[in-house]
N, C-alpha and C. Protein backbone atom coordinates (compact mmCIF):
# COMPACT_ATOMS: atom_id res chain seq x y z
N MET A 1 89.49 101.54 96.03
CA MET A 1 89.63 102.26 97.22
C MET A 1 91.04 102.71 97.41
N SER A 2 91.27 103.94 97.74
CA SER A 2 92.64 104.41 97.94
C SER A 2 93.05 104.34 99.38
N GLY A 3 94.34 104.14 99.58
CA GLY A 3 94.82 104.03 100.94
C GLY A 3 95.34 105.34 101.46
N ILE A 4 95.33 105.47 102.77
CA ILE A 4 95.94 106.62 103.45
C ILE A 4 97.00 106.15 104.34
N GLU A 5 98.15 106.83 104.24
CA GLU A 5 99.22 106.42 105.13
C GLU A 5 99.43 107.53 106.22
N LEU A 6 99.42 107.06 107.41
CA LEU A 6 99.61 107.95 108.58
C LEU A 6 100.83 107.50 109.31
N ARG A 7 101.50 108.45 109.95
CA ARG A 7 102.66 108.19 110.76
C ARG A 7 102.40 108.54 112.18
N THR A 8 102.74 107.64 113.09
CA THR A 8 102.57 107.81 114.48
C THR A 8 103.43 109.00 114.95
N VAL A 9 102.85 109.93 115.73
CA VAL A 9 103.66 111.01 116.26
C VAL A 9 104.17 110.67 117.63
N GLY A 10 103.54 109.70 118.31
CA GLY A 10 104.01 109.35 119.64
C GLY A 10 103.08 108.25 120.23
N TRP A 11 103.22 107.98 121.52
CA TRP A 11 102.51 106.96 122.22
C TRP A 11 102.11 107.45 123.59
N VAL A 12 100.93 106.98 124.05
CA VAL A 12 100.49 107.28 125.35
C VAL A 12 101.33 106.40 126.30
N ARG A 13 101.83 107.07 127.33
CA ARG A 13 102.61 106.38 128.41
C ARG A 13 101.99 106.68 129.75
N GLY A 14 101.65 105.58 130.43
CA GLY A 14 101.02 105.72 131.75
C GLY A 14 99.49 105.78 131.61
N GLY A 15 98.91 106.12 132.74
CA GLY A 15 97.40 106.12 132.75
C GLY A 15 96.91 104.63 132.88
N ARG A 16 95.78 104.36 132.37
CA ARG A 16 95.23 103.01 132.41
C ARG A 16 95.91 102.08 131.50
N GLY A 17 95.94 100.77 131.97
CA GLY A 17 96.46 99.71 131.13
C GLY A 17 95.40 99.00 130.39
N ALA A 18 94.14 99.22 130.75
CA ALA A 18 93.00 98.50 130.03
C ALA A 18 91.86 99.52 129.85
N ALA A 19 91.14 99.33 128.77
CA ALA A 19 90.05 100.22 128.49
C ALA A 19 88.84 99.94 129.33
N GLU A 20 88.44 100.94 130.11
CA GLU A 20 87.23 100.85 130.96
C GLU A 20 86.45 102.12 130.66
N ASP A 21 85.08 102.01 130.69
CA ASP A 21 84.25 103.06 130.25
C ASP A 21 84.20 104.40 131.00
N ASP A 22 84.46 104.41 132.34
CA ASP A 22 84.12 105.54 133.11
C ASP A 22 85.32 106.08 133.90
N ALA A 23 85.12 107.21 134.45
CA ALA A 23 86.06 107.91 135.36
C ALA A 23 87.44 108.22 134.78
N TRP A 24 87.39 108.64 133.57
CA TRP A 24 88.65 108.94 132.90
C TRP A 24 89.32 110.24 133.37
N ASP A 25 88.54 111.15 133.90
CA ASP A 25 89.07 112.45 134.30
C ASP A 25 90.12 112.39 135.36
N ARG A 26 90.13 111.31 136.13
CA ARG A 26 91.18 111.20 137.23
C ARG A 26 92.47 110.61 136.69
N GLU A 27 92.52 110.28 135.42
CA GLU A 27 93.72 109.68 134.89
C GLU A 27 94.69 110.77 134.45
N THR A 28 96.04 110.51 134.59
CA THR A 28 97.06 111.33 134.08
C THR A 28 97.99 110.43 133.27
N ALA A 29 98.56 110.97 132.28
CA ALA A 29 99.45 110.18 131.33
C ALA A 29 100.34 111.17 130.66
N ALA A 30 101.24 110.62 129.91
CA ALA A 30 102.13 111.44 129.04
C ALA A 30 101.98 110.92 127.64
N ILE A 31 102.19 111.84 126.70
CA ILE A 31 102.30 111.51 125.27
C ILE A 31 103.75 111.64 124.97
N GLU A 32 104.45 110.57 124.67
CA GLU A 32 105.83 110.61 124.38
C GLU A 32 106.02 110.66 122.83
N LEU A 33 106.66 111.73 122.35
CA LEU A 33 106.86 111.83 120.91
C LEU A 33 107.76 110.80 120.37
N ASP A 34 107.58 110.50 119.12
CA ASP A 34 108.47 109.57 118.42
C ASP A 34 109.71 110.36 117.95
N THR A 35 110.78 110.22 118.73
CA THR A 35 112.00 111.00 118.51
C THR A 35 112.81 110.58 117.31
N SER A 36 112.35 109.54 116.58
CA SER A 36 113.05 109.17 115.43
C SER A 36 112.83 110.17 114.27
N TRP A 37 111.76 111.00 114.46
CA TRP A 37 111.53 112.08 113.47
C TRP A 37 110.97 113.36 114.02
N LEU A 38 110.65 113.40 115.34
CA LEU A 38 110.20 114.64 115.97
C LEU A 38 111.10 114.99 117.18
N THR A 39 111.22 116.33 117.31
CA THR A 39 112.01 116.86 118.41
C THR A 39 111.06 117.59 119.44
N ALA A 40 111.66 118.12 120.50
CA ALA A 40 110.93 118.90 121.47
C ALA A 40 110.33 120.18 120.82
N GLU A 41 110.90 120.59 119.76
CA GLU A 41 110.33 121.81 119.11
C GLU A 41 108.89 121.54 118.64
N ALA A 42 108.50 120.33 118.39
CA ALA A 42 107.14 120.05 117.96
C ALA A 42 106.13 120.42 119.02
N LEU A 43 106.54 120.43 120.29
CA LEU A 43 105.66 120.72 121.44
C LEU A 43 105.82 122.20 121.92
N GLN A 44 106.73 122.94 121.30
CA GLN A 44 107.03 124.29 121.66
C GLN A 44 105.80 125.15 121.63
N GLY A 45 105.50 125.84 122.76
CA GLY A 45 104.32 126.70 122.82
C GLY A 45 102.98 126.04 123.25
N LEU A 46 102.98 124.72 123.25
CA LEU A 46 101.76 124.00 123.55
C LEU A 46 101.31 124.18 125.03
N ALA A 47 102.28 124.38 125.93
CA ALA A 47 102.08 124.54 127.31
C ALA A 47 101.27 125.79 127.59
N GLU A 48 101.18 126.70 126.73
CA GLU A 48 100.47 127.93 126.90
C GLU A 48 98.95 127.78 126.73
N PHE A 49 98.56 126.56 126.28
CA PHE A 49 97.13 126.26 126.16
C PHE A 49 96.68 125.43 127.28
N SER A 50 95.36 125.48 127.57
CA SER A 50 94.84 124.64 128.66
C SER A 50 94.54 123.26 128.30
N HIS A 51 94.11 123.09 126.98
CA HIS A 51 93.65 121.74 126.55
C HIS A 51 94.23 121.42 125.20
N ALA A 52 94.34 120.11 124.94
CA ALA A 52 94.76 119.64 123.60
C ALA A 52 93.81 118.58 123.19
N GLU A 53 93.61 118.52 121.81
CA GLU A 53 92.80 117.46 121.23
C GLU A 53 93.76 116.41 120.69
N ILE A 54 93.53 115.18 121.13
CA ILE A 54 94.43 114.14 120.75
C ILE A 54 93.73 113.15 119.80
N VAL A 55 94.34 112.86 118.70
CA VAL A 55 93.83 111.88 117.72
C VAL A 55 94.67 110.63 117.92
N PHE A 56 94.01 109.50 118.12
CA PHE A 56 94.78 108.25 118.34
C PHE A 56 94.06 107.03 117.71
N GLN A 57 94.71 105.95 117.71
CA GLN A 57 94.11 104.73 117.12
C GLN A 57 93.89 103.66 118.20
N PHE A 58 92.70 103.09 118.24
CA PHE A 58 92.38 101.97 119.10
C PHE A 58 93.15 100.73 118.57
N ASP A 59 94.40 100.71 118.70
CA ASP A 59 95.22 99.61 118.00
C ASP A 59 95.05 98.28 118.72
N GLN A 60 94.60 98.26 119.93
CA GLN A 60 94.43 96.95 120.65
C GLN A 60 93.09 96.34 120.38
N LEU A 61 92.20 96.99 119.67
CA LEU A 61 90.94 96.49 119.34
C LEU A 61 91.05 95.67 117.98
N PRO A 62 90.81 94.37 117.99
CA PRO A 62 90.90 93.57 116.76
C PRO A 62 89.88 94.08 115.71
N GLU A 63 90.31 94.10 114.49
CA GLU A 63 89.36 94.55 113.40
C GLU A 63 88.10 93.73 113.43
N SER A 64 88.23 92.48 113.88
CA SER A 64 87.01 91.63 113.89
C SER A 64 85.92 92.18 114.90
N GLU A 65 86.30 93.10 115.74
CA GLU A 65 85.32 93.69 116.69
C GLU A 65 84.76 95.03 116.23
N VAL A 66 85.09 95.46 115.04
CA VAL A 66 84.59 96.66 114.46
C VAL A 66 83.12 96.41 114.16
N VAL A 67 82.26 97.31 114.51
CA VAL A 67 80.77 97.20 114.25
C VAL A 67 80.35 98.25 113.26
N LEU A 68 79.73 97.80 112.14
CA LEU A 68 79.29 98.74 111.16
C LEU A 68 77.76 98.94 111.09
N THR A 69 77.08 98.14 111.90
CA THR A 69 75.67 98.23 111.94
C THR A 69 75.15 98.97 113.19
N ALA A 70 73.88 99.28 113.17
CA ALA A 70 73.30 99.95 114.35
C ALA A 70 73.32 98.98 115.52
N ARG A 71 73.56 99.59 116.73
CA ARG A 71 73.54 98.76 117.95
C ARG A 71 73.13 99.66 119.13
N HIS A 72 72.82 98.97 120.22
CA HIS A 72 72.55 99.72 121.48
C HIS A 72 73.92 100.17 122.09
N PRO A 73 74.11 101.45 122.36
CA PRO A 73 75.39 101.83 122.92
C PRO A 73 75.68 101.05 124.28
N ARG A 74 76.90 100.58 124.42
CA ARG A 74 77.28 99.83 125.57
C ARG A 74 76.39 98.60 125.82
N GLY A 75 75.64 98.14 124.79
CA GLY A 75 74.83 97.01 124.86
C GLY A 75 73.59 97.19 125.70
N ASN A 76 73.23 98.41 126.08
CA ASN A 76 72.14 98.77 126.92
C ASN A 76 70.87 98.76 126.18
N PRO A 77 69.91 97.79 126.30
CA PRO A 77 68.70 97.79 125.53
C PRO A 77 67.75 98.95 125.89
N ASP A 78 68.03 99.65 126.96
CA ASP A 78 67.13 100.86 127.32
C ASP A 78 67.46 102.01 126.41
N TRP A 79 68.58 101.96 125.71
CA TRP A 79 68.94 103.02 124.79
C TRP A 79 68.69 102.55 123.38
N PRO A 80 68.39 103.51 122.48
CA PRO A 80 67.99 103.12 121.12
C PRO A 80 69.16 102.56 120.37
N LYS A 81 68.90 101.75 119.35
CA LYS A 81 69.91 101.27 118.41
C LYS A 81 70.33 102.51 117.51
N VAL A 82 71.60 102.76 117.48
CA VAL A 82 72.07 103.87 116.63
C VAL A 82 73.28 103.41 115.84
N GLY A 83 73.52 104.03 114.77
CA GLY A 83 74.69 103.67 113.89
C GLY A 83 76.01 104.05 114.50
N VAL A 84 77.05 103.52 113.98
CA VAL A 84 78.40 103.71 114.49
C VAL A 84 78.76 105.21 114.49
N PHE A 85 78.25 105.99 113.58
CA PHE A 85 78.55 107.36 113.49
C PHE A 85 77.67 108.31 114.36
N ALA A 86 76.73 107.67 115.13
CA ALA A 86 75.93 108.35 116.11
C ALA A 86 76.41 108.06 117.46
N GLN A 87 77.55 107.51 117.63
CA GLN A 87 78.12 107.20 118.97
C GLN A 87 79.65 107.32 118.82
N ARG A 88 80.32 107.29 119.98
CA ARG A 88 81.73 107.50 119.99
C ARG A 88 82.54 106.30 120.50
N GLY A 89 81.93 105.13 120.43
CA GLY A 89 82.68 103.88 120.93
C GLY A 89 83.86 103.60 120.09
N ARG A 90 84.66 102.70 120.67
CA ARG A 90 85.93 102.30 120.01
C ARG A 90 85.79 101.36 118.83
N ASN A 91 84.64 100.76 118.67
CA ASN A 91 84.44 99.74 117.59
C ASN A 91 84.12 100.39 116.27
N ARG A 92 84.91 101.36 115.86
CA ARG A 92 84.70 102.21 114.70
C ARG A 92 85.38 101.64 113.49
N PRO A 93 84.95 102.03 112.23
CA PRO A 93 85.53 101.56 111.02
C PRO A 93 87.04 101.64 110.97
N ASN A 94 87.56 102.81 111.28
CA ASN A 94 89.04 102.99 111.26
C ASN A 94 89.73 102.98 112.62
N ARG A 95 88.92 102.63 113.61
CA ARG A 95 89.36 102.52 115.05
C ARG A 95 90.10 103.75 115.46
N LEU A 96 89.57 104.89 115.11
CA LEU A 96 90.17 106.15 115.56
C LEU A 96 89.40 106.79 116.71
N GLY A 97 90.20 107.33 117.60
CA GLY A 97 89.60 108.02 118.74
C GLY A 97 90.08 109.52 118.77
N VAL A 98 89.24 110.39 119.29
CA VAL A 98 89.58 111.76 119.48
C VAL A 98 89.18 112.19 120.90
N SER A 99 90.06 112.83 121.61
CA SER A 99 89.77 113.20 122.96
C SER A 99 90.34 114.55 123.28
N VAL A 100 89.61 115.37 124.03
CA VAL A 100 90.09 116.61 124.47
C VAL A 100 90.54 116.34 125.94
N CYS A 101 91.78 116.72 126.27
CA CYS A 101 92.31 116.55 127.57
C CYS A 101 93.04 117.81 128.08
N ARG A 102 93.22 117.89 129.40
CA ARG A 102 93.89 119.01 129.99
C ARG A 102 95.40 118.88 129.79
N ILE A 103 96.01 119.98 129.53
CA ILE A 103 97.49 120.02 129.37
C ILE A 103 98.05 120.32 130.76
N LEU A 104 98.83 119.39 131.28
CA LEU A 104 99.46 119.56 132.63
C LEU A 104 100.84 120.05 132.53
N GLY A 105 101.46 119.96 131.36
CA GLY A 105 102.82 120.45 131.19
C GLY A 105 103.52 119.87 130.04
N VAL A 106 104.67 120.38 129.67
CA VAL A 106 105.49 119.82 128.64
C VAL A 106 106.86 119.65 129.27
N ASP A 107 107.45 118.46 128.99
CA ASP A 107 108.82 118.18 129.51
C ASP A 107 109.59 117.58 128.33
N GLY A 108 110.32 118.38 127.66
CA GLY A 108 111.08 117.93 126.50
C GLY A 108 110.18 117.37 125.41
N THR A 109 110.25 116.10 125.15
CA THR A 109 109.45 115.47 124.11
C THR A 109 108.23 114.76 124.70
N ARG A 110 107.85 115.12 125.89
CA ARG A 110 106.69 114.53 126.58
C ARG A 110 105.70 115.58 126.88
N LEU A 111 104.44 115.32 126.49
CA LEU A 111 103.27 116.14 126.83
C LEU A 111 102.58 115.51 127.97
N LEU A 112 102.45 116.15 129.11
CA LEU A 112 101.80 115.62 130.29
C LEU A 112 100.32 116.02 130.20
N VAL A 113 99.38 115.06 130.33
CA VAL A 113 97.92 115.35 130.18
C VAL A 113 97.12 114.74 131.32
N GLY A 114 95.96 115.33 131.47
CA GLY A 114 94.95 114.77 132.45
C GLY A 114 93.69 114.55 131.65
N GLY A 115 92.97 113.43 131.98
CA GLY A 115 91.68 113.18 131.37
C GLY A 115 91.70 112.58 129.92
N LEU A 116 92.84 112.08 129.54
CA LEU A 116 92.85 111.47 128.21
C LEU A 116 92.32 110.04 128.29
N ASP A 117 91.33 109.76 127.47
CA ASP A 117 90.66 108.48 127.48
C ASP A 117 91.24 107.49 126.47
N ALA A 118 92.58 107.31 126.61
CA ALA A 118 93.33 106.37 125.79
C ALA A 118 94.26 105.53 126.75
N ILE A 119 94.46 104.29 126.45
CA ILE A 119 95.27 103.51 127.39
C ILE A 119 96.77 103.55 127.10
N ASP A 120 97.56 103.09 128.06
CA ASP A 120 99.02 103.01 127.93
C ASP A 120 99.40 102.24 126.66
N GLY A 121 100.32 102.83 125.88
CA GLY A 121 100.82 102.25 124.68
C GLY A 121 100.09 102.55 123.39
N THR A 122 98.91 103.34 123.53
CA THR A 122 98.16 103.74 122.39
C THR A 122 98.95 104.62 121.39
N PRO A 123 99.00 104.30 120.14
CA PRO A 123 99.62 105.23 119.21
C PRO A 123 98.85 106.54 118.98
N VAL A 124 99.58 107.59 119.04
CA VAL A 124 98.93 108.93 118.88
C VAL A 124 99.25 109.41 117.43
N LEU A 125 98.22 109.86 116.74
CA LEU A 125 98.38 110.26 115.32
C LEU A 125 98.46 111.72 115.17
N ASP A 126 97.93 112.53 116.11
CA ASP A 126 98.04 114.04 116.02
C ASP A 126 97.75 114.64 117.35
N ILE A 127 98.23 115.83 117.56
CA ILE A 127 98.05 116.64 118.79
C ILE A 127 97.73 118.01 118.26
N LYS A 128 96.58 118.57 118.77
CA LYS A 128 96.18 119.91 118.36
C LYS A 128 95.80 120.70 119.60
N PRO A 129 96.16 122.02 119.63
CA PRO A 129 95.69 122.80 120.76
C PRO A 129 94.19 123.02 120.63
N VAL A 130 93.45 123.15 121.73
CA VAL A 130 92.03 123.52 121.69
C VAL A 130 91.96 125.04 121.60
N LEU A 131 91.34 125.53 120.64
CA LEU A 131 91.06 126.99 120.48
C LEU A 131 89.60 127.25 120.66
N ALA A 132 89.25 128.27 121.39
CA ALA A 132 87.82 128.56 121.64
C ALA A 132 87.12 128.74 120.25
N GLU A 133 87.76 129.26 119.31
CA GLU A 133 87.16 129.60 118.04
C GLU A 133 86.82 128.28 117.26
N PHE A 134 87.40 127.14 117.67
CA PHE A 134 87.04 125.87 117.01
C PHE A 134 85.93 125.18 117.78
N LEU A 135 85.53 125.62 118.91
CA LEU A 135 84.46 125.05 119.69
C LEU A 135 83.17 125.18 118.95
N PRO A 136 82.18 124.39 119.20
CA PRO A 136 80.90 124.62 118.50
C PRO A 136 80.26 126.00 118.56
N ARG A 137 79.83 126.46 117.51
CA ARG A 137 79.16 127.79 117.47
C ARG A 137 77.66 127.46 117.66
N GLY A 138 77.07 128.09 118.66
CA GLY A 138 75.70 127.81 118.98
C GLY A 138 75.51 126.68 119.99
N GLU A 139 74.23 126.38 120.15
CA GLU A 139 73.89 125.30 121.13
C GLU A 139 74.28 123.90 120.66
N VAL A 140 74.78 123.10 121.54
CA VAL A 140 75.08 121.75 121.30
C VAL A 140 73.82 120.87 121.70
N ARG A 141 73.36 120.15 120.71
CA ARG A 141 72.16 119.30 120.95
C ARG A 141 72.53 117.82 120.92
N GLN A 142 71.94 117.04 121.86
CA GLN A 142 72.31 115.60 121.96
C GLN A 142 71.08 114.93 122.61
N PRO A 143 70.84 113.63 122.29
CA PRO A 143 69.73 112.95 122.90
C PRO A 143 69.94 112.57 124.37
N ASP A 144 68.89 112.33 125.08
CA ASP A 144 68.98 112.02 126.52
C ASP A 144 69.80 110.79 126.79
N TRP A 145 69.69 109.78 125.97
CA TRP A 145 70.44 108.53 126.22
C TRP A 145 71.95 108.83 126.27
N SER A 146 72.46 109.76 125.41
CA SER A 146 73.85 110.00 125.42
C SER A 146 74.34 110.78 126.66
N ARG A 147 73.39 111.55 127.26
CA ARG A 147 73.77 112.18 128.56
C ARG A 147 73.85 111.16 129.65
N GLU A 148 72.95 110.17 129.60
CA GLU A 148 72.99 109.09 130.54
C GLU A 148 74.29 108.30 130.43
N LEU A 149 74.66 108.01 129.20
CA LEU A 149 75.90 107.26 128.92
C LEU A 149 77.12 108.00 129.50
N MET A 150 77.18 109.28 129.32
CA MET A 150 78.33 110.08 129.70
C MET A 150 78.30 110.52 131.13
N ALA A 151 77.26 110.22 131.89
CA ALA A 151 77.16 110.71 133.28
C ALA A 151 78.39 110.47 134.14
N ASP A 152 79.06 109.33 134.00
CA ASP A 152 80.21 109.03 134.83
C ASP A 152 81.48 108.84 134.03
N TYR A 153 81.46 109.20 132.72
CA TYR A 153 82.59 109.01 131.88
C TYR A 153 83.79 109.81 132.31
N TRP A 154 83.58 111.06 132.63
CA TRP A 154 84.75 111.81 133.11
C TRP A 154 84.79 111.86 134.63
């Protein structure tokens, strides 16, 4: 097995201090760049976009809590058992999260965001602007249980 080396581009500052499943849309936070190798130029032009896609690591989740088998999302027996790749929970093999959030502004080496579902101190691995051309082409299909799960998420 070959390894992959990633470098943290920054950290989430502010917002929630603990992971809770719902009402993320009311959260605001900043992503503070790692100024040991990045400057404000890395964020130049990003404020012209409405949304950014943030890639981060669930670093506070112990590897022992990673689940590789099928399970009921959020432990709800009313929902079907599904594999780790059929859900977006944090107990993933590489503990990676991806979230689309609103861009509230840029202040030097800080990106101000709303609705980011990552907690204070989370390492950020990448920041990408959301482009309409990268959104799904055609209808998005998902099972009913996932709509129930997400009803109060944002």
